[in-house]
Amino acid sequence: MKDQAEPLVTEQQMRVNLAAAFRLVDLYGWSDLLATHLSARVPGTDDQFLINPFGVMFDEMTASALVKVDMEGNILSDTPYPINPAGFTVHSAVHLMRHDVDCVIHTHTAAGLGVATQKNGLLPLTQQSLSVMAHSGYHDYEGIAFDLAERESMGRDLGGNNILFLRNHGLLSVGRTVGEAFMWMYRAERACKFQLAFQQAGADETVISDDLIQATFERNRRANSPEGYRPIGVNEWPALLRKLDRENPGYDQ
């Protein structure tokens, strides 16, 4: 359960933050036209979340356009749009299994797929990859996610992690806030880009020892926790909203 000391947000505030995340995903080049999806739990509920209407581009998403659904896939909003059924399966899996999570982001990027399709996934090549590996799980491809039975295996594979590599499919990140989920995706995307850049160079690897890998994992888990010096998204999210206000305002409508 969530820490009762955490500040509560209203549904409207959650809508604004999630709409901003859609536009930031597009701004950073992670969108895939109408494919992929982001979601956020409706504050004060365990069985409702907000997700994108299937037919609205990420760069034009607004708070009022987001669709509210329950865990059975029933649309609870007044909207002319349907929702992506595969998106519902993916996001409901997380919201059902992880009550500490309020936001889920799923992408199909060249870098994310480039690593998620590799047999060994993300490799311990860089400091950035180690910070992501310390919080990552893997989920084997089961086809387009129309089968609700996949929710159990997806939730199990995510476990207590913040990042899930969907093999042959893409990346998924989660967070207690929209900002936290966004920053975990940002970190995962960069780690994947750095790996592909190194692999394309054809150079010899400088190996990081197993002991140092494990030590770095533990340092990252401690530093990125609520008790650490850099809880993810706390400082970055307000700055990202300022950037978005300059470059693509109107998400709060």
C-alpha atoms as a PDB file:
ATOM      1  CA  MET A   1       0.000   0.000   0.000  1.00  0.00           C
ATOM      2  CA  LYS A   2       1.062   3.612  -0.486  1.00  0.00           C
ATOM      3  CA  ASP A   3       2.700   5.588   2.290  1.00  0.00           C
ATOM      4  CA  GLN A   4      -0.113   7.522   3.955  1.00  0.00           C
ATOM      5  CA  ALA A   5       2.227  10.501   4.265  1.00  0.00           C
ATOM      6  CA  GLU A   6       2.328  10.900   0.495  1.00  0.00           C
ATOM      7  CA  PRO A   7       0.355  13.925  -0.745  1.00  0.00           C
ATOM      8  CA  LEU A   8      -2.914  13.046  -2.425  1.00  0.00           C
ATOM      9  CA  VAL A   9      -3.716  14.326  -5.903  1.00  0.00           C
ATOM     10  CA  THR A  10      -7.116  14.871  -7.456  1.00  0.00           C
ATOM     11  CA  GLU A  11      -8.327  13.124 -10.579  1.00  0.00           C
ATOM     12  CA  GLN A  12      -7.948  16.387 -12.493  1.00  0.00           C
ATOM     13  CA  GLN A  13      -4.332  16.766 -11.368  1.00  0.00           C
ATOM     14  CA  MET A  14      -3.649  13.180 -12.413  1.00  0.00           C
ATOM     15  CA  ARG A  15      -5.259  13.845 -15.785  1.00  0.00           C
ATOM     16  CA  VAL A  16      -3.081  16.915 -16.331  1.00  0.00           C
ATOM     17  CA  ASN A  17       0.115  15.058 -15.428  1.00  0.00           C
ATOM     18  CA  LEU A  18      -0.753  12.072 -17.617  1.00  0.00           C
ATOM     19  CA  ALA A  19      -1.664  14.276 -20.594  1.00  0.00           C
ATOM     20  CA  ALA A  20       1.677  16.040 -20.121  1.00  0.00           C
ATOM     21  CA  ALA A  21       3.452  12.686 -20.154  1.00  0.00           C
ATOM     22  CA  PHE A  22       1.867  11.797 -23.504  1.00  0.00           C
ATOM     23  CA  ARG A  23       3.131  15.029 -25.018  1.00  0.00           C
ATOM     24  CA  LEU A  24       6.587  14.552 -23.505  1.00  0.00           C
ATOM     25  CA  VAL A  25       6.752  11.001 -24.867  1.00  0.00           C
ATOM     26  CA  ASP A  26       6.114  12.464 -28.312  1.00  0.00           C
ATOM     27  CA  LEU A  27       8.525  15.354 -27.740  1.00  0.00           C
ATOM     28  CA  TYR A  28      11.329  12.918 -26.939  1.00  0.00           C
ATOM     29  CA  GLY A  29      10.595  10.812 -30.030  1.00  0.00           C
ATOM     30  CA  TRP A  30       9.154   7.757 -28.275  1.00  0.00           C
ATOM     31  CA  SER A  31       5.620   7.786 -29.726  1.00  0.00           C
ATOM     32  CA  ASP A  32       4.360   5.361 -32.375  1.00  0.00           C
ATOM     33  CA  LEU A  33       1.431   7.212 -34.007  1.00  0.00           C
ATOM     34  CA  LEU A  34      -1.656   5.787 -32.269  1.00  0.00           C
ATOM     35  CA  ALA A  35       0.109   2.685 -30.970  1.00  0.00           C
ATOM     36  CA  THR A  36       1.461   2.266 -27.425  1.00  0.00           C
ATOM     37  CA  HIS A  37      -0.186   3.725 -24.369  1.00  0.00           C
ATOM     38  CA  LEU A  38       0.193   5.389 -20.992  1.00  0.00           C
ATOM     39  CA  SER A  39      -2.096   5.045 -17.997  1.00  0.00           C
ATOM     40  CA  ALA A  40      -2.594   6.388 -14.489  1.00  0.00           C
ATOM     41  CA  ARG A  41      -4.691   5.106 -11.613  1.00  0.00           C
ATOM     42  CA  VAL A  42      -7.680   7.273 -10.712  1.00  0.00           C
ATOM     43  CA  PRO A  43      -6.805   8.693  -7.277  1.00  0.00           C
ATOM     44  CA  GLY A  44      -8.683   7.091  -4.412  1.00  0.00           C
ATOM     45  CA  THR A  45      -9.541   3.927  -6.374  1.00  0.00           C
ATOM     46  CA  ASP A  46      -8.039   0.486  -6.822  1.00  0.00           C
ATOM     47  CA  ASP A  47     -10.140  -0.519  -9.820  1.00  0.00           C
ATOM     48  CA  GLN A  48     -10.128   2.439 -12.227  1.00  0.00           C
ATOM     49  CA  PHE A  49      -7.459   4.028 -14.395  1.00  0.00           C
ATOM     50  CA  LEU A  50      -7.057   6.627 -17.143  1.00  0.00           C
ATOM     51  CA  ILE A  51      -5.738   5.661 -20.566  1.00  0.00           C
ATOM     52  CA  ASN A  52      -5.462   7.227 -24.003  1.00  0.00           C
ATOM     53  CA  PRO A  53      -8.416   7.268 -26.393  1.00  0.00           C
ATOM     54  CA  PHE A  54      -7.555   5.254 -29.504  1.00  0.00           C
ATOM     55  CA  GLY A  55      -7.578   7.930 -32.181  1.00  0.00           C
ATOM     56  CA  VAL A  56      -5.840  10.863 -30.465  1.00  0.00           C
ATOM     57  CA  MET A  57      -2.187  11.543 -31.238  1.00  0.00           C
ATOM     58  CA  PHE A  58       0.204  11.851 -28.313  1.00  0.00           C
ATOM     59  CA  ASP A  59       1.225  15.404 -29.188  1.00  0.00           C
ATOM     60  CA  GLU A  60      -2.404  16.577 -29.007  1.00  0.00           C
ATOM     61  CA  MET A  61      -3.454  14.738 -25.844  1.00  0.00           C
ATOM     62  CA  THR A  62      -5.372  16.746 -23.249  1.00  0.00           C
ATOM     63  CA  ALA A  63      -6.492  16.075 -19.707  1.00  0.00           C
ATOM     64  CA  SER A  64     -10.164  15.998 -20.697  1.00  0.00           C
ATOM     65  CA  ALA A  65      -9.581  13.571 -23.600  1.00  0.00           C
ATOM     66  CA  LEU A  66      -8.281  10.750 -21.379  1.00  0.00           C
ATOM     67  CA  VAL A  67     -10.628   7.788 -20.977  1.00  0.00           C
ATOM     68  CA  LYS A  68     -11.536   6.320 -17.597  1.00  0.00           C
ATOM     69  CA  VAL A  69     -11.935   2.531 -17.491  1.00  0.00           C
ATOM     70  CA  ASP A  70     -12.431  -0.164 -14.862  1.00  0.00           C
ATOM     71  CA  MET A  71     -10.545  -3.427 -14.527  1.00  0.00           C
ATOM     72  CA  GLU A  72     -13.076  -5.199 -16.736  1.00  0.00           C
ATOM     73  CA  GLY A  73     -12.459  -2.812 -19.615  1.00  0.00           C
ATOM     74  CA  ASN A  74     -15.722  -0.896 -19.231  1.00  0.00           C
ATOM     75  CA  ILE A  75     -15.440   2.727 -20.384  1.00  0.00           C
ATOM     76  CA  LEU A  76     -16.603   5.081 -17.636  1.00  0.00           C
ATOM     77  CA  SER A  77     -16.044   8.337 -19.552  1.00  0.00           C
ATOM     78  CA  ASP A  78     -18.166  10.194 -22.079  1.00  0.00           C
ATOM     79  CA  THR A  79     -15.962   9.779 -25.164  1.00  0.00           C
ATOM     80  CA  PRO A  80     -16.406   9.142 -28.900  1.00  0.00           C
ATOM     81  CA  TYR A  81     -13.268   6.985 -28.940  1.00  0.00           C
ATOM     82  CA  PRO A  82     -12.604   3.344 -28.076  1.00  0.00           C
ATOM     83  CA  ILE A  83      -9.511   2.197 -26.206  1.00  0.00           C
ATOM     84  CA  ASN A  84      -6.763  -0.080 -27.497  1.00  0.00           C
ATOM     85  CA  PRO A  85      -7.660  -3.602 -26.244  1.00  0.00           C
ATOM     86  CA  ALA A  86      -4.016  -4.678 -26.060  1.00  0.00           C
ATOM     87  CA  GLY A  87      -3.283  -1.515 -24.115  1.00  0.00           C
ATOM     88  CA  PHE A  88      -6.021  -2.378 -21.657  1.00  0.00           C
ATOM     89  CA  THR A  89      -4.507  -5.828 -21.076  1.00  0.00           C
ATOM     90  CA  VAL A  90      -1.004  -4.468 -20.481  1.00  0.00           C
ATOM     91  CA  HIS A  91      -2.019  -1.632 -18.164  1.00  0.00           C
ATOM     92  CA  SER A  92      -4.690  -3.447 -16.214  1.00  0.00           C
ATOM     93  CA  ALA A  93      -2.102  -6.168 -15.497  1.00  0.00           C
ATOM     94  CA  VAL A  94       0.080  -3.667 -13.681  1.00  0.00           C
ATOM     95  CA  HIS A  95      -2.710  -1.793 -11.922  1.00  0.00           C
ATOM     96  CA  LEU A  96      -4.176  -5.091 -10.695  1.00  0.00           C
ATOM     97  CA  MET A  97      -0.886  -6.513  -9.426  1.00  0.00           C
ATOM     98  CA  ARG A  98       0.958  -3.421  -8.168  1.00  0.00           C
ATOM     99  CA  HIS A  99      -1.152  -1.268  -5.873  1.00  0.00           C
ATOM    100  CA  ASP A 100       1.927   0.832  -5.088  1.00  0.00           C
ATOM    101  CA  VAL A 101       2.061   1.929  -8.749  1.00  0.00           C
ATOM    102  CA  ASP A 102      -0.030   4.795 -10.118  1.00  0.00           C
ATOM    103  CA  CYS A 103       1.432   5.253 -13.617  1.00  0.00           C
ATOM    104  CA  VAL A 104       2.444   2.883 -16.427  1.00  0.00           C
ATOM    105  CA  ILE A 105       4.238   3.856 -19.665  1.00  0.00           C
ATOM    106  CA  HIS A 106       4.716   1.545 -22.645  1.00  0.00           C
ATOM    107  CA  THR A 107       6.796   2.352 -25.751  1.00  0.00           C
ATOM    108  CA  HIS A 108       7.913   0.813 -29.053  1.00  0.00           C
ATOM    109  CA  THR A 109      11.160   2.682 -29.747  1.00  0.00           C
ATOM    110  CA  ALA A 110      14.014   1.653 -32.022  1.00  0.00           C
ATOM    111  CA  ALA A 111      16.432   1.546 -29.094  1.00  0.00           C
ATOM    112  CA  GLY A 112      14.032  -0.209 -26.732  1.00  0.00           C
ATOM    113  CA  LEU A 113      13.100  -2.861 -29.278  1.00  0.00           C
ATOM    114  CA  GLY A 114      16.706  -3.143 -30.367  1.00  0.00           C
ATOM    115  CA  VAL A 115      17.647  -4.297 -26.865  1.00  0.00           C
ATOM    116  CA  ALA A 116      14.415  -6.107 -25.930  1.00  0.00           C
ATOM    117  CA  THR A 117      14.880  -8.340 -28.986  1.00  0.00           C
ATOM    118  CA  GLN A 118      18.427  -9.341 -28.021  1.00  0.00           C
ATOM    119  CA  LYS A 119      18.743 -12.713 -26.301  1.00  0.00           C
ATOM    120  CA  ASN A 120      20.695 -11.271 -23.371  1.00  0.00           C
ATOM    121  CA  GLY A 121      18.737  -8.032 -23.150  1.00  0.00           C
ATOM    122  CA  LEU A 122      20.337  -5.047 -21.470  1.00  0.00           C
ATOM    123  CA  LEU A 123      24.034  -5.641 -20.813  1.00  0.00           C
ATOM    124  CA  PRO A 124      26.233  -4.274 -17.988  1.00  0.00           C
ATOM    125  CA  LEU A 125      28.221  -2.027 -20.298  1.00  0.00           C
ATOM    126  CA  THR A 126      27.671   1.445 -18.841  1.00  0.00           C
ATOM    127  CA  GLN A 127      26.827   3.193 -15.586  1.00  0.00           C
ATOM    128  CA  GLN A 128      23.461   4.024 -17.162  1.00  0.00           C
ATOM    129  CA  SER A 129      22.689   0.385 -17.936  1.00  0.00           C
ATOM    130  CA  LEU A 130      23.572  -0.679 -14.391  1.00  0.00           C
ATOM    131  CA  SER A 131      21.142   1.868 -12.925  1.00  0.00           C
ATOM    132  CA  VAL A 132      18.378   0.381 -15.087  1.00  0.00           C
ATOM    133  CA  MET A 133      19.324  -3.288 -14.638  1.00  0.00           C
ATOM    134  CA  ALA A 134      19.020  -2.898 -10.870  1.00  0.00           C
ATOM    135  CA  HIS A 135      15.282  -2.247 -11.330  1.00  0.00           C
ATOM    136  CA  SER A 136      14.397  -4.418 -14.361  1.00  0.00           C
ATOM    137  CA  GLY A 137      12.522  -7.608 -15.232  1.00  0.00           C
ATOM    138  CA  TYR A 138      11.802  -9.465 -18.492  1.00  0.00           C
ATOM    139  CA  HIS A 139       8.552 -10.764 -19.985  1.00  0.00           C
ATOM    140  CA  ASP A 140       8.559 -13.251 -22.877  1.00  0.00           C
ATOM    141  CA  TYR A 141       6.549 -12.414 -25.975  1.00  0.00           C
ATOM    142  CA  GLU A 142       3.078 -13.977 -25.995  1.00  0.00           C
ATOM    143  CA  GLY A 143       1.705 -12.346 -29.160  1.00  0.00           C
ATOM    144  CA  ILE A 144      -0.479  -9.232 -29.338  1.00  0.00           C
ATOM    145  CA  ALA A 145      -1.835  -8.785 -25.824  1.00  0.00           C
ATOM    146  CA  PHE A 146      -5.514  -9.551 -26.413  1.00  0.00           C
ATOM    147  CA  ASP A 147      -5.633 -12.479 -23.967  1.00  0.00           C
ATOM    148  CA  LEU A 148      -6.426 -11.295 -20.439  1.00  0.00           C
ATOM    149  CA  ALA A 149      -4.739 -14.424 -19.108  1.00  0.00           C
ATOM    150  CA  GLU A 150      -1.401 -12.771 -19.917  1.00  0.00           C
ATOM    151  CA  ARG A 151      -1.996 -10.275 -17.123  1.00  0.00           C
ATOM    152  CA  GLU A 152      -0.885 -12.780 -14.507  1.00  0.00           C
ATOM    153  CA  SER A 153       2.440 -13.620 -16.156  1.00  0.00           C
ATOM    154  CA  MET A 154       3.140  -9.976 -16.954  1.00  0.00           C
ATOM    155  CA  GLY A 155       2.491  -8.899 -13.392  1.00  0.00           C
ATOM    156  CA  ARG A 156       4.648 -11.738 -12.080  1.00  0.00           C
ATOM    157  CA  ASP A 157       7.528 -10.848 -14.406  1.00  0.00           C
ATOM    158  CA  LEU A 158       7.388  -7.188 -13.427  1.00  0.00           C
ATOM    159  CA  GLY A 159       7.496  -8.141  -9.750  1.00  0.00           C
ATOM    160  CA  GLY A 160       8.696  -5.227  -7.649  1.00  0.00           C
ATOM    161  CA  ASN A 161      10.707  -3.672 -10.495  1.00  0.00           C
ATOM    162  CA  ASN A 162      10.207  -0.309 -12.192  1.00  0.00           C
ATOM    163  CA  ILE A 163      11.115  -1.424 -15.731  1.00  0.00           C
ATOM    164  CA  LEU A 164       9.949  -4.427 -17.732  1.00  0.00           C
ATOM    165  CA  PHE A 165      11.591  -5.471 -20.985  1.00  0.00           C
ATOM    166  CA  LEU A 166       8.818  -6.908 -23.151  1.00  0.00           C
ATOM    167  CA  ARG A 167      10.836  -9.273 -25.324  1.00  0.00           C
ATOM    168  CA  ASN A 168      10.409  -8.669 -29.075  1.00  0.00           C
ATOM    169  CA  HIS A 169       7.926  -5.912 -28.215  1.00  0.00           C
ATOM    170  CA  GLY A 170       9.230  -2.864 -26.338  1.00  0.00           C
ATOM    171  CA  LEU A 171       9.701  -1.255 -22.936  1.00  0.00           C
ATOM    172  CA  LEU A 172       7.406  -0.671 -19.973  1.00  0.00           C
ATOM    173  CA  SER A 173       8.037   1.535 -16.949  1.00  0.00           C
ATOM    174  CA  VAL A 174       6.033   2.133 -13.788  1.00  0.00           C
ATOM    175  CA  GLY A 175       6.054   4.623 -10.962  1.00  0.00           C
ATOM    176  CA  ARG A 176       4.208   5.849  -7.920  1.00  0.00           C
ATOM    177  CA  THR A 177       3.799   9.113  -9.813  1.00  0.00           C
ATOM    178  CA  VAL A 178       3.643  10.069 -13.483  1.00  0.00           C
ATOM    179  CA  GLY A 179       7.006  11.793 -13.135  1.00  0.00           C
ATOM    180  CA  GLU A 180       8.624   8.702 -11.670  1.00  0.00           C
ATOM    181  CA  ALA A 181       7.332   6.439 -14.452  1.00  0.00           C
ATOM    182  CA  PHE A 182       8.474   8.934 -17.086  1.00  0.00           C
ATOM    183  CA  MET A 183      11.976   9.178 -15.663  1.00  0.00           C
ATOM    184  CA  TRP A 184      12.360   5.402 -15.476  1.00  0.00           C
ATOM    185  CA  MET A 185      11.441   5.244 -19.163  1.00  0.00           C
ATOM    186  CA  TYR A 186      13.907   8.048 -19.899  1.00  0.00           C
ATOM    187  CA  ARG A 187      16.666   6.114 -18.138  1.00  0.00           C
ATOM    188  CA  ALA A 188      15.800   2.831 -19.851  1.00  0.00           C
ATOM    189  CA  GLU A 189      15.658   4.450 -23.286  1.00  0.00           C
ATOM    190  CA  ARG A 190      19.065   6.081 -22.844  1.00  0.00           C
ATOM    191  CA  ALA A 191      20.649   2.873 -21.550  1.00  0.00           C
ATOM    192  CA  CYS A 192      19.357   1.039 -24.628  1.00  0.00           C
ATOM    193  CA  LYS A 193      20.672   3.759 -26.954  1.00  0.00           C
ATOM    194  CA  PHE A 194      24.119   3.590 -25.354  1.00  0.00           C
ATOM    195  CA  GLN A 195      24.215  -0.195 -25.733  1.00  0.00           C
ATOM    196  CA  LEU A 196      23.292  -0.057 -29.409  1.00  0.00           C
ATOM    197  CA  ALA A 197      25.839   2.706 -30.017  1.00  0.00           C
ATOM    198  CA  PHE A 198      28.586   0.585 -28.468  1.00  0.00           C
ATOM    199  CA  GLN A 199      27.546  -2.544 -30.356  1.00  0.00           C
ATOM    200  CA  GLN A 200      27.504  -0.682 -33.654  1.00  0.00           C
ATOM    201  CA  ALA A 201      31.015   0.659 -33.016  1.00  0.00           C
ATOM    202  CA  GLY A 202      32.475  -2.847 -33.100  1.00  0.00           C
ATOM    203  CA  ALA A 203      35.015  -1.934 -30.412  1.00  0.00           C
ATOM    204  CA  ASP A 204      36.262  -4.166 -27.610  1.00  0.00           C
ATOM    205  CA  GLU A 205      34.344  -4.003 -24.337  1.00  0.00           C
ATOM    206  CA  THR A 206      35.826  -2.729 -21.091  1.00  0.00           C
ATOM    207  CA  VAL A 207      34.459  -5.308 -18.674  1.00  0.00           C
ATOM    208  CA  ILE A 208      32.944  -4.243 -15.348  1.00  0.00           C
ATOM    209  CA  SER A 209      33.631  -6.855 -12.661  1.00  0.00           C
ATOM    210  CA  ASP A 210      30.778  -8.870 -11.153  1.00  0.00           C
ATOM    211  CA  ASP A 211      31.543  -7.477  -7.695  1.00  0.00           C
ATOM    212  CA  LEU A 212      31.357  -3.898  -8.949  1.00  0.00           C
ATOM    213  CA  ILE A 213      28.141  -4.645 -10.864  1.00  0.00           C
ATOM    214  CA  GLN A 214      26.461  -5.916  -7.698  1.00  0.00           C
ATOM    215  CA  ALA A 215      27.794  -3.007  -5.638  1.00  0.00           C
ATOM    216  CA  THR A 216      26.469  -0.533  -8.208  1.00  0.00           C
ATOM    217  CA  PHE A 217      23.073  -2.256  -8.217  1.00  0.00           C
ATOM    218  CA  GLU A 218      22.821  -1.802  -4.460  1.00  0.00           C
ATOM    219  CA  ARG A 219      23.971   1.811  -4.588  1.00  0.00           C
ATOM    220  CA  ASN A 220      21.344   2.569  -7.228  1.00  0.00           C
ATOM    221  CA  ARG A 221      18.561   0.857  -5.300  1.00  0.00           C
ATOM    222  CA  ARG A 222      19.441   2.861  -2.209  1.00  0.00           C
ATOM    223  CA  ALA A 223      19.964   6.202  -3.993  1.00  0.00           C
ATOM    224  CA  ASN A 224      16.758   5.917  -6.030  1.00  0.00           C
ATOM    225  CA  SER A 225      14.545   4.878  -3.118  1.00  0.00           C
ATOM    226  CA  PRO A 226      12.318   7.353  -1.244  1.00  0.00           C
ATOM    227  CA  GLU A 227      15.019   7.405   1.447  1.00  0.00           C
ATOM    228  CA  GLY A 228      17.803   8.087  -1.068  1.00  0.00           C
ATOM    229  CA  TYR A 229      19.261  11.351  -2.287  1.00  0.00           C
ATOM    230  CA  ARG A 230      17.598  11.239  -5.722  1.00  0.00           C
ATOM    231  CA  PRO A 231      14.105   9.722  -5.686  1.00  0.00           C
ATOM    232  CA  ILE A 232      13.211   9.469  -9.356  1.00  0.00           C
ATOM    233  CA  GLY A 233      10.993  12.136 -10.866  1.00  0.00           C
ATOM    234  CA  VAL A 234      10.771  14.422  -7.839  1.00  0.00           C
ATOM    235  CA  ASN A 235      13.105  17.094  -9.202  1.00  0.00           C
ATOM    236  CA  GLU A 236      12.858  16.264 -12.897  1.00  0.00           C
ATOM    237  CA  TRP A 237       9.076  16.378 -13.353  1.00  0.00           C
ATOM    238  CA  PRO A 238       8.499  20.084 -12.542  1.00  0.00           C
ATOM    239  CA  ALA A 239      11.358  20.981 -14.900  1.00  0.00           C
ATOM    240  CA  LEU A 240       9.863  18.800 -17.642  1.00  0.00           C
ATOM    241  CA  LEU A 241       6.491  20.522 -17.228  1.00  0.00           C
ATOM    242  CA  ARG A 242       8.184  23.912 -17.636  1.00  0.00           C
ATOM    243  CA  LYS A 243       9.824  22.646 -20.814  1.00  0.00           C
ATOM    244  CA  LEU A 244       6.479  21.393 -22.107  1.00  0.00           C
ATOM    245  CA  ASP A 245       4.777  24.708 -21.272  1.00  0.00           C
ATOM    246  CA  ARG A 246       7.312  26.393 -23.543  1.00  0.00           C
ATOM    247  CA  GLU A 247       7.189  23.902 -26.403  1.00  0.00           C
ATOM    248  CA  ASN A 248       3.683  22.380 -26.478  1.00  0.00           C
ATOM    249  CA  PRO A 249       1.235  24.016 -24.046  1.00  0.00           C
ATOM    250  CA  GLY A 250      -2.448  23.136 -23.731  1.00  0.00           C
ATOM    251  CA  TYR A 251      -2.209  19.632 -22.292  1.00  0.00           C
ATOM    252  CA  ASP A 252      -4.122  20.788 -19.203  1.00  0.00           C
ATOM    253  CA  GLN A 253      -7.303  21.513 -21.190  1.00  0.00           C
END
